[in-house]
Each structure stands twice: as structure tokens, then as C-alpha cells.
Protein backbone atom coordinates (compact mmCIF):
# COMPACT_ATOMS: atom_id res chain seq x y z
CA MET A 1 38.25 27.80 -162.29
CA PHE A 2 35.25 26.69 -160.03
CA TRP A 3 35.58 23.44 -158.39
CA LEU A 4 32.50 21.74 -156.96
CA LYS A 5 32.91 20.59 -153.31
CA THR A 6 33.04 16.84 -152.84
CA GLU A 7 31.88 15.05 -149.68
CA LEU A 8 31.94 11.54 -148.73
CA TRP A 9 28.75 10.43 -146.89
CA THR A 10 29.11 7.47 -144.68
CA ALA A 11 27.00 5.91 -141.86
CA ASP A 12 26.90 2.88 -139.67
CA VAL A 13 25.33 0.98 -142.66
CA VAL A 14 25.52 2.10 -146.19
CA TYR A 15 23.47 0.31 -148.85
CA THR A 16 23.63 1.43 -152.64
CA GLY A 17 21.16 -1.06 -153.99
CA PHE A 18 24.15 -3.31 -155.16
CA GLY A 19 25.19 -6.43 -153.41
CA THR A 20 24.78 -6.30 -149.70
CA PRO A 21 24.77 -3.34 -147.21
CA MET A 22 28.29 -2.24 -146.10
CA LEU A 23 29.38 -1.52 -142.68
CA GLN A 24 32.48 0.54 -143.98
CA GLY A 25 30.87 2.04 -146.97
CA ALA A 26 30.28 5.46 -148.31
CA ILE A 27 29.00 7.56 -151.33
CA ALA A 28 30.71 10.43 -152.87
CA VAL A 29 28.49 13.36 -153.48
CA GLN A 30 29.04 16.52 -155.51
CA GLY A 31 26.84 19.21 -156.87
CA GLY A 32 23.67 17.52 -155.69
CA MET A 33 24.43 14.20 -157.21
CA VAL A 34 26.15 10.89 -156.40
CA VAL A 35 29.44 10.70 -158.21
CA GLY A 36 30.83 7.48 -156.59
CA GLN A 37 30.06 4.67 -154.12
CA GLY A 38 31.86 1.76 -152.36
CA GLY A 39 34.13 1.17 -149.48
CA LEU A 40 35.01 4.32 -147.40
CA GLU A 41 38.87 3.83 -147.76
CA GLU A 42 38.50 3.21 -151.40
CA LEU A 43 36.56 6.54 -151.92
CA LYS A 44 39.09 8.44 -149.76
CA ALA A 45 41.79 7.41 -152.03
CA ARG A 46 39.78 8.55 -155.10
CA PHE A 47 38.64 11.73 -153.64
CA PRO A 48 41.61 12.67 -151.33
CA GLN A 49 40.43 16.39 -150.69
CA ALA A 50 36.78 15.31 -149.89
CA GLU A 51 35.41 15.88 -146.36
CA VAL A 52 33.99 12.77 -144.62
CA VAL A 53 30.51 13.44 -143.29
CA HIS A 54 28.87 10.96 -140.95
CA LYS A 55 25.03 10.69 -141.73
CA GLY A 56 23.89 8.69 -138.79
CA LYS A 57 22.61 5.10 -138.68
CA ALA A 58 22.24 4.25 -142.46
CA LEU A 59 22.23 5.57 -145.93
CA PHE A 60 19.99 3.81 -148.69
CA PRO A 61 17.88 4.18 -151.70
CA PRO A 62 14.04 5.00 -151.32
CA PRO A 63 12.52 2.70 -148.82
CA VAL A 64 9.39 0.47 -149.35
CA ASN A 65 6.38 0.34 -147.19
CA ALA A 66 5.34 -3.32 -147.97
CA HIS A 67 2.12 -3.39 -145.93
CA THR A 68 -0.57 -0.73 -145.58
CA HIS A 69 -4.14 -0.40 -145.29
CA LEU A 70 -4.48 3.19 -146.72
CA ASP A 71 -8.39 3.19 -146.30
CA LEU A 72 -7.91 3.07 -142.64
CA SER A 73 -5.72 6.34 -142.53
CA LEU A 74 -8.54 8.35 -140.78
CA HIS A 75 -9.06 5.74 -138.00
CA PRO A 76 -7.91 6.64 -134.52
CA LEU A 77 -4.82 4.78 -133.23
CA TYR A 78 -5.75 1.62 -131.25
CA ARG A 79 -3.48 0.34 -128.46
CA GLY A 80 -4.71 -2.80 -126.56
CA PRO A 81 -5.17 -6.54 -126.95
CA PHE A 82 -5.40 -7.97 -130.39
CA SER A 83 -8.87 -9.21 -129.74
CA GLY A 84 -10.17 -5.61 -129.47
CA PHE A 85 -8.76 -4.39 -132.82
CA LEU A 86 -11.37 -5.76 -135.20
CA PRO A 87 -14.12 -4.28 -133.02
CA HIS A 88 -12.27 -0.91 -133.00
CA VAL A 89 -12.04 -1.01 -136.86
CA VAL A 90 -15.70 -1.83 -137.20
CA ALA A 91 -16.68 0.86 -134.63
CA HIS A 92 -15.01 3.51 -136.87
CA ARG A 93 -16.25 2.09 -140.12
CA GLU A 94 -17.67 5.37 -141.25
CA LYS A 95 -14.01 6.69 -141.38
CA ARG A 96 -13.01 3.88 -143.76
CA GLY A 97 -12.93 4.49 -147.49
CA LEU A 98 -11.78 6.49 -150.53
CA GLU A 99 -10.98 9.82 -148.54
CA ALA A 100 -8.87 7.99 -146.07
CA ALA A 101 -6.92 6.14 -148.90
CA GLN A 102 -6.22 9.57 -150.60
CA ARG A 103 -4.88 10.86 -147.21
CA GLY A 104 -2.73 7.80 -146.82
CA LEU A 105 -1.24 8.12 -150.34
CA GLU A 106 -0.49 11.74 -149.71
CA GLU A 107 1.41 10.73 -146.72
CA LEU A 108 3.38 8.24 -148.35
CA LEU A 109 4.25 10.63 -151.06
CA ARG A 110 5.55 13.13 -148.51
CA LEU A 111 7.69 10.53 -146.94
CA GLY A 112 9.40 9.56 -150.22
CA VAL A 113 8.96 5.95 -150.27
CA GLY A 114 10.02 4.13 -153.59
CA ALA A 115 7.06 1.78 -153.67
CA PHE A 116 4.26 0.49 -151.37
CA ALA A 117 1.69 -2.46 -150.99
CA ASP A 118 -1.84 -1.67 -149.97
CA ILE A 119 -4.56 -4.03 -148.85
CA VAL A 120 -7.70 -2.86 -150.62
CA PHE A 121 -10.96 -3.44 -148.93
CA ARG A 122 -13.34 -1.32 -151.22
CA ASP A 123 -13.56 -1.21 -155.09
CA GLU A 124 -13.47 2.60 -155.29
CA VAL A 125 -10.12 2.48 -153.62
CA MET A 126 -8.67 0.07 -156.15
CA ASP A 127 -10.03 2.26 -158.82
CA PHE A 128 -8.32 5.30 -157.29
CA LEU A 129 -4.92 3.69 -156.91
CA LEU A 130 -4.89 2.21 -160.38
CA GLN A 131 -5.76 5.49 -161.88
CA GLU A 132 -4.08 8.05 -159.62
CA SER A 133 -0.92 6.53 -157.80
CA PRO A 134 2.23 8.09 -159.15
CA LEU A 135 4.11 5.43 -157.05
CA PRO A 136 4.78 1.92 -158.10
CA GLY A 137 3.45 -0.92 -155.92
CA VAL A 138 0.80 -3.63 -155.57
CA ALA A 139 -2.75 -3.18 -154.46
CA PHE A 140 -3.90 -6.49 -153.01
CA TYR A 141 -7.71 -6.96 -153.03
CA GLU A 142 -8.80 -8.19 -149.82
CA VAL A 143 -11.05 -11.17 -149.48
CA PHE A 144 -12.83 -12.06 -146.19
CA ALA A 145 -15.12 -15.09 -146.39
CA PRO A 146 -14.78 -17.68 -143.67
CA ASP A 147 -17.85 -19.83 -144.65
CA PRO A 148 -16.71 -22.66 -146.94
CA GLN A 149 -20.19 -22.64 -148.49
CA ASP A 150 -19.50 -19.23 -149.98
CA ALA A 151 -16.15 -20.33 -151.54
CA GLU A 152 -17.17 -20.89 -155.18
CA GLU A 153 -19.47 -17.67 -155.37
CA VAL A 154 -16.93 -15.37 -153.73
CA PHE A 155 -14.08 -16.75 -155.95
CA GLN A 156 -16.00 -16.04 -159.07
CA ARG A 157 -16.96 -12.64 -157.87
CA VAL A 158 -13.29 -11.69 -156.96
CA ARG A 159 -11.89 -13.28 -160.23
CA ALA A 160 -14.21 -11.14 -162.28
CA LYS A 161 -13.13 -7.91 -160.51
CA VAL A 162 -9.44 -8.72 -160.73
CA GLU A 163 -9.61 -9.56 -164.33
CA ALA A 164 -11.29 -6.28 -165.06
CA TRP A 165 -8.68 -4.40 -162.89
CA ARG A 166 -5.76 -6.00 -164.50
CA LYS A 167 -6.76 -4.62 -167.96
CA ARG A 168 -6.48 -1.19 -166.65
CA GLY A 169 -2.61 -1.10 -166.61
CA GLY A 170 -0.84 1.84 -164.87
CA ARG A 171 2.06 1.88 -162.09
CA ILE A 172 0.06 -0.31 -159.71
CA ARG A 173 -0.04 -4.12 -160.12
CA VAL A 174 -3.15 -6.05 -158.78
CA GLY A 175 -2.80 -8.64 -156.23
CA LEU A 176 -4.94 -10.86 -153.92
CA SER A 177 -5.12 -10.78 -150.32
CA PRO A 178 -7.04 -13.54 -148.47
CA HIS A 179 -7.38 -11.83 -145.13
CA ALA A 180 -6.05 -14.45 -142.84
CA PRO A 181 -6.15 -18.31 -142.21
CA TYR A 182 -9.06 -17.89 -139.85
CA SER A 183 -11.10 -15.58 -141.92
CA VAL A 184 -11.00 -17.21 -145.39
CA SER A 185 -12.14 -20.93 -145.77
CA ALA A 186 -9.73 -23.60 -146.83
CA PRO A 187 -11.36 -24.23 -150.18
CA LEU A 188 -11.43 -20.41 -151.01
CA LEU A 189 -7.85 -20.19 -149.91
CA GLU A 190 -6.83 -22.93 -152.28
CA LYS A 191 -8.78 -21.59 -155.11
CA LEU A 192 -7.18 -17.99 -154.71
CA TYR A 193 -3.73 -19.35 -154.44
CA ARG A 194 -4.13 -21.66 -157.60
CA TYR A 195 -5.55 -18.53 -159.46
CA ALA A 196 -2.82 -16.31 -158.41
CA ARG A 197 -0.23 -18.78 -159.34
CA ALA A 198 -1.68 -19.46 -162.78
CA HIS A 199 -1.90 -15.71 -163.57
CA ASP A 200 1.36 -14.65 -161.82
CA LEU A 201 -0.50 -12.68 -159.34
CA PRO A 202 1.15 -11.79 -155.98
CA LEU A 203 -0.68 -13.07 -152.86
CA MET A 204 -0.49 -11.31 -149.37
CA ILE A 205 -2.07 -12.98 -146.26
CA HIS A 206 -1.89 -11.90 -142.63
CA ALA A 207 -0.52 -15.06 -140.86
CA ALA A 208 0.93 -15.91 -137.53
CA GLU A 209 0.15 -12.56 -136.09
CA SER A 210 -1.36 -13.18 -132.71
CA PRO A 211 -1.56 -15.89 -129.94
CA GLU A 212 -5.31 -15.72 -130.54
CA GLU A 213 -4.95 -16.76 -134.13
CA VAL A 214 -2.74 -19.70 -133.00
CA ALA A 215 -5.21 -20.86 -130.28
CA PHE A 216 -8.19 -20.66 -132.83
CA LEU A 217 -6.45 -22.73 -135.57
CA ARG A 218 -5.15 -25.29 -133.13
CA THR A 219 -8.18 -25.78 -130.77
CA GLY A 220 -11.06 -23.61 -132.11
CA GLU A 221 -11.15 -21.73 -128.96
CA GLY A 222 -10.46 -18.01 -127.86
CA PRO A 223 -11.79 -14.52 -129.11
CA LEU A 224 -11.56 -15.34 -132.80
CA ALA A 225 -14.32 -18.09 -132.47
CA GLY A 226 -16.92 -15.29 -131.98
CA VAL A 227 -15.56 -13.48 -134.94
CA TYR A 228 -15.79 -16.62 -137.07
CA ARG A 229 -19.41 -17.48 -135.90
CA ARG A 230 -20.39 -13.93 -136.79
CA PHE A 231 -19.51 -14.42 -140.39
CA SER A 232 -20.15 -18.15 -141.09
CA ARG A 233 -23.00 -20.48 -141.02
CA THR A 234 -20.67 -23.50 -141.05
CA PRO A 235 -19.34 -24.63 -137.68
CA TRP A 236 -15.45 -24.31 -137.42
CA LYS A 237 -13.38 -27.38 -137.50
CA ALA A 238 -10.04 -26.53 -136.14
CA PRO A 239 -7.36 -27.95 -138.26
CA GLY A 240 -5.17 -28.63 -135.20
CA LEU A 241 -2.23 -26.72 -136.68
CA THR A 242 -0.21 -23.51 -136.36
CA PRO A 243 -0.97 -20.89 -139.01
CA VAL A 244 2.15 -21.57 -141.03
CA ARG A 245 1.75 -25.27 -141.01
CA TYR A 246 -1.94 -24.85 -141.84
CA LEU A 247 -0.88 -22.80 -144.90
CA GLN A 248 1.72 -25.33 -145.79
CA THR A 249 -0.77 -28.18 -145.69
CA LEU A 250 -3.25 -26.29 -148.11
CA GLY A 251 -0.28 -25.56 -150.57
CA VAL A 252 -0.65 -21.84 -150.13
CA LEU A 253 2.98 -21.12 -149.29
CA GLY A 254 5.17 -20.36 -152.39
CA PRO A 255 7.08 -17.75 -154.22
CA HIS A 256 3.87 -15.81 -155.05
CA THR A 257 3.09 -15.61 -151.35
CA VAL A 258 3.87 -12.80 -148.89
CA LEU A 259 3.06 -13.37 -145.25
CA VAL A 260 2.42 -10.42 -143.04
CA HIS A 261 3.48 -10.31 -139.49
CA GLY A 262 4.90 -13.75 -138.95
CA VAL A 263 5.38 -13.27 -135.22
CA HIS A 264 4.49 -16.68 -133.89
CA VAL A 265 6.82 -18.96 -136.03
CA ASP A 266 9.04 -21.63 -134.83
CA GLU A 267 12.37 -23.13 -136.34
CA GLU A 268 10.74 -25.59 -138.52
CA GLU A 269 8.05 -23.26 -139.80
CA ALA A 270 10.93 -20.55 -140.72
CA ARG A 271 12.44 -23.27 -142.77
CA MET A 272 9.15 -24.11 -144.43
CA VAL A 273 8.79 -20.39 -145.30
CA ALA A 274 12.39 -20.20 -146.67
CA ASP A 275 12.10 -23.42 -148.65
CA SER A 276 8.92 -22.24 -150.24
CA GLY A 277 10.15 -19.00 -151.33
CA SER A 278 7.59 -16.98 -149.59
CA LYS A 279 8.37 -13.57 -148.18
CA VAL A 280 7.65 -12.04 -144.74
CA VAL A 281 6.67 -8.56 -144.05
CA LEU A 282 7.31 -7.35 -140.49
CA CYS A 283 5.26 -4.64 -138.77
CA PRO A 284 6.89 -4.34 -135.43
CA ARG A 285 5.28 -1.06 -134.08
CA SER A 286 1.79 -2.50 -135.02
CA ASN A 287 2.63 -5.78 -133.28
CA GLY A 288 3.67 -3.83 -130.09
CA ASN A 289 0.53 -1.72 -130.10
CA LEU A 290 -1.61 -4.93 -130.40
CA GLN A 291 0.40 -6.83 -127.80
CA VAL A 292 0.97 -9.75 -130.00
CA GLY A 293 4.79 -10.22 -129.43
CA GLU A 294 7.86 -9.87 -131.51
CA ALA A 295 8.81 -11.58 -134.80
CA PRO A 296 11.80 -14.13 -134.49
CA LEU A 297 14.25 -12.12 -136.60
CA GLY A 298 17.05 -14.46 -135.79
CA LEU A 299 15.08 -17.55 -137.03
CA TYR A 300 14.23 -15.79 -140.24
CA ALA A 301 17.83 -14.55 -140.79
CA ARG A 302 19.25 -18.06 -139.97
CA HIS A 303 17.21 -19.80 -142.81
CA GLY A 304 17.46 -16.88 -145.28
CA VAL A 305 13.87 -15.77 -145.36
CA GLU A 306 13.28 -12.59 -147.35
CA LEU A 307 12.08 -9.98 -145.05
CA ALA A 308 10.43 -6.69 -145.78
CA LEU A 309 9.02 -3.92 -143.63
CA GLY A 310 5.66 -2.32 -143.42
CA THR A 311 3.78 0.04 -141.06
CA ASP A 312 0.37 -1.69 -141.24
CA SER A 313 -2.56 0.94 -140.85
CA ARG A 314 -2.80 4.10 -138.98
CA ALA A 315 -5.27 2.19 -136.84
CA SER A 316 -2.46 0.29 -135.24
CA SER A 317 0.54 2.34 -136.10
CA PRO A 318 1.17 6.09 -135.21
CA ASP A 319 2.24 6.93 -138.94
CA LEU A 320 3.06 5.42 -142.25
CA ASP A 321 6.75 6.23 -142.05
CA VAL A 322 8.40 2.67 -142.61
CA LYS A 323 11.76 4.19 -141.56
CA ASN A 324 10.32 4.30 -138.03
CA GLU A 325 9.79 0.51 -138.27
CA ALA A 326 13.57 0.22 -138.90
CA LEU A 327 14.33 2.52 -136.06
CA PHE A 328 12.16 0.42 -133.70
CA LEU A 329 14.07 -2.72 -134.75
CA TRP A 330 17.53 -0.89 -134.36
CA GLY A 331 19.58 -2.76 -131.76
CA LYS A 332 17.28 -5.82 -131.90
CA ALA A 333 18.72 -7.33 -134.96
CA GLU A 334 21.86 -7.08 -137.21
CA PRO A 335 21.66 -3.67 -138.73
CA ARG A 336 22.38 -4.77 -142.25
CA LEU A 337 19.45 -7.18 -142.12
CA ILE A 338 17.17 -4.23 -141.15
CA ILE A 339 18.33 -2.11 -144.11
CA ARG A 340 17.96 -4.81 -146.51
CA ALA A 341 14.33 -5.52 -145.32
CA LEU A 342 13.69 -1.64 -145.55
CA THR A 343 14.85 -1.62 -149.26
CA ARG A 344 15.66 -4.67 -151.28
CA GLY A 345 13.54 -7.12 -149.23
CA GLY A 346 10.47 -4.69 -149.92
CA TYR A 347 11.18 -4.44 -153.57
CA ARG A 348 11.62 -8.09 -153.99
CA ALA A 349 8.44 -8.86 -152.10
CA LEU A 350 6.44 -6.55 -154.61
CA GLY A 351 8.30 -7.87 -157.52
CA LEU A 352 10.14 -4.70 -158.41
CA PRO A 353 13.62 -3.79 -159.21
CA THR A 354 15.77 -2.28 -156.31
CA PRO A 355 16.85 1.44 -157.08
CA ARG A 356 20.59 2.02 -157.06
CA LEU A 357 22.63 4.88 -155.65
CA ALA A 358 25.01 5.14 -158.61
CA ARG A 359 26.86 7.95 -160.48
CA GLY A 360 24.25 10.43 -161.44
CA THR A 361 21.65 9.69 -158.82
CA PRO A 362 20.17 12.94 -157.33
CA LEU A 363 20.64 13.33 -153.69
CA SER A 364 16.85 13.64 -153.15
CA LEU A 365 16.87 9.71 -153.71
CA VAL A 366 19.45 9.20 -150.85
CA HIS A 367 17.64 8.44 -147.67
CA SER A 368 18.99 8.27 -144.21
CA LEU A 369 18.10 7.14 -140.67
């Protein structure tokens, strides 16, 4: 009689999609399939002849890249001050578009992610993702409109597009992405949030990313003042608040809202985010390349903020491999927090169920660090 060899795969952290990540966990594998999961000692008792194989830092279901800009996938990588990043994107604008988005999606497929979120700047990219993406996720249509005089006109135009796209169906859900607190006027932010909430649309906004953003919202000064004047006829009136407090005042925080970056957040703001039900996507390698600092993971963990991981674009990150974000954070935070953010946190941020490593799961869906 032929017996299939059984191995017990273990790692520093094992997450099967059930409960919380385990420090003494394992999965039993046989014939290219998962045949059991749980505590390592429990599985040793169940499979006494099995060889224990250590697989490194972590084992987990397919990860989620919860923040990309696929249409920037052909841009050269930028490393430098945050204030130079937007000019860098504009300087290479001929590389932005459908071909770049196609290249980015191909990279995500090669990497085996389970889902993704993309910030969509151009209509043809939205059309492409809705029609062609074999991966589930959310395509957040980006809105950049700092002049309050344009709020109603922009809102009506965006709403018409979103309503047409939502009728298309497919594996990709449509969402909204007001770019940032400094690049979308207060009245437009409020309109977009109310619309998103009324129609159960996810909303993603870059917030608290850089010291420059904090300075502009608090005092109206700094490099972003020039960016604002370039796109607005109306003089900026600084709210005198930090980004998270400003969004809270506008009523934009809530369970439909996903904040990206969240680097410059204090204890009270972390509590605001947690109490509102908002999620936060961390992009640590992009933050490092743009010299904006490191997100306060300890604060977020203490207040129970749901965290996810994203790469941001190829313009500020060397690749779209979200597992490299986890490796970048390894040793800087509790490892179970990192693996949860890489998996369950990402699926929850996108409103998707977390895949599970259960009996019958093919080993192709077991990922490792």
C-alpha cells in the first residue's frame, strides 16, 4: 500500500484565516493539500510520523495589497523629500495610463495576492479593471479638486461615472478616493462621504502622510501651499487642525473609510480612528523613500485600529510585493500584528472574506515569509 508523506509545516507565526495568528501553530500537508491545522503539539499527536518542517517567519493565506496606483507602474522610482514626489509624477505623466495599469496587474498576478485595492486616475483604467481583472478587490476612483467653487460640478460628474461603473458588475467593486485633505475641498469631501455612505461604497483617502501635509492644514504654509494655488482659484483657509482631526470635524471618518499612510497620528487621533471604525493602510517602504517618517504601530495596536498593508505605487516603492512591506516591518512590531495586517486586515479593509487554510486547501494558496 502506498502512503502519502505527511509534513507539519510551522513558522514563527502561523495564520490559517481562523481566529488570531499563532506563535506555536502549524499546518499538516499531504499530497499537495492541507490536511490539518492548529497548534504544533496537537498536530504532532495527530500525525506522529510526520516530519516537522520550519518554513521561516510566517505561513498564511494569500496576502492583500491594500493600496496601489497601478497606472504608475512604469514610472521610475523616486527617493527624496515628499515635496518633490508630485513634481516627479507630473514630470513622467506620459508613462501613466492603461499600459502601466496592465503591467501592474500582471505583477500582482505573478505575486499571487488574494485581492488588491487600486487608486484609479483615468477612466480607461477603471474600464480595464472592471472588465479584465481576475482578482477581487476595490477600484477607488480618484478625485483631485481643491477649489470649493468646483465642488458641486465635480461631485455630479463623479457620481454619474460611478453609477455607470457600478452597473457593470464583475470581481472588482467600485469605490471613491478623495485624494487627500489638502487636495479635495471641504464641501466636496463631505458630499463624497455622504454619497459613499448612502450607497455602501468604500472610500479611501491619503491622510496624515507627511509633515508637509500637517503644516499646510495647521498653518497654510509649506510646499503644499504652492500645489494648492496651482489648482485653486480660491485662497486656502487653513483649518488649524491636523489631518485626522480635520477629517473628524468634517464627519469623514467612519466604517466606510480607509485612511492610507497614517504616519502623523497622536494618541487621541488613533482613538478617533478606532472609535469611528475607520481602517488604516500602512505603506512603510513608500514612507521611507519619501522621507515622511514611520507610522505609530504601537498606538494603533493599543487602540485596536484595523491595519492593512499596501505597497503604494512603483513610483515610490521598488515593487508591488506586499510581503516585502511585512518584511520591512519585521522586528519593529509584534509579528502577529504584521501578519494580520498582511491578510485579514487587508480583506476587512476591502470588505472581503478572509481565505482559510483548511483541510483540502491546495498548497499553492499557502504563502510564507
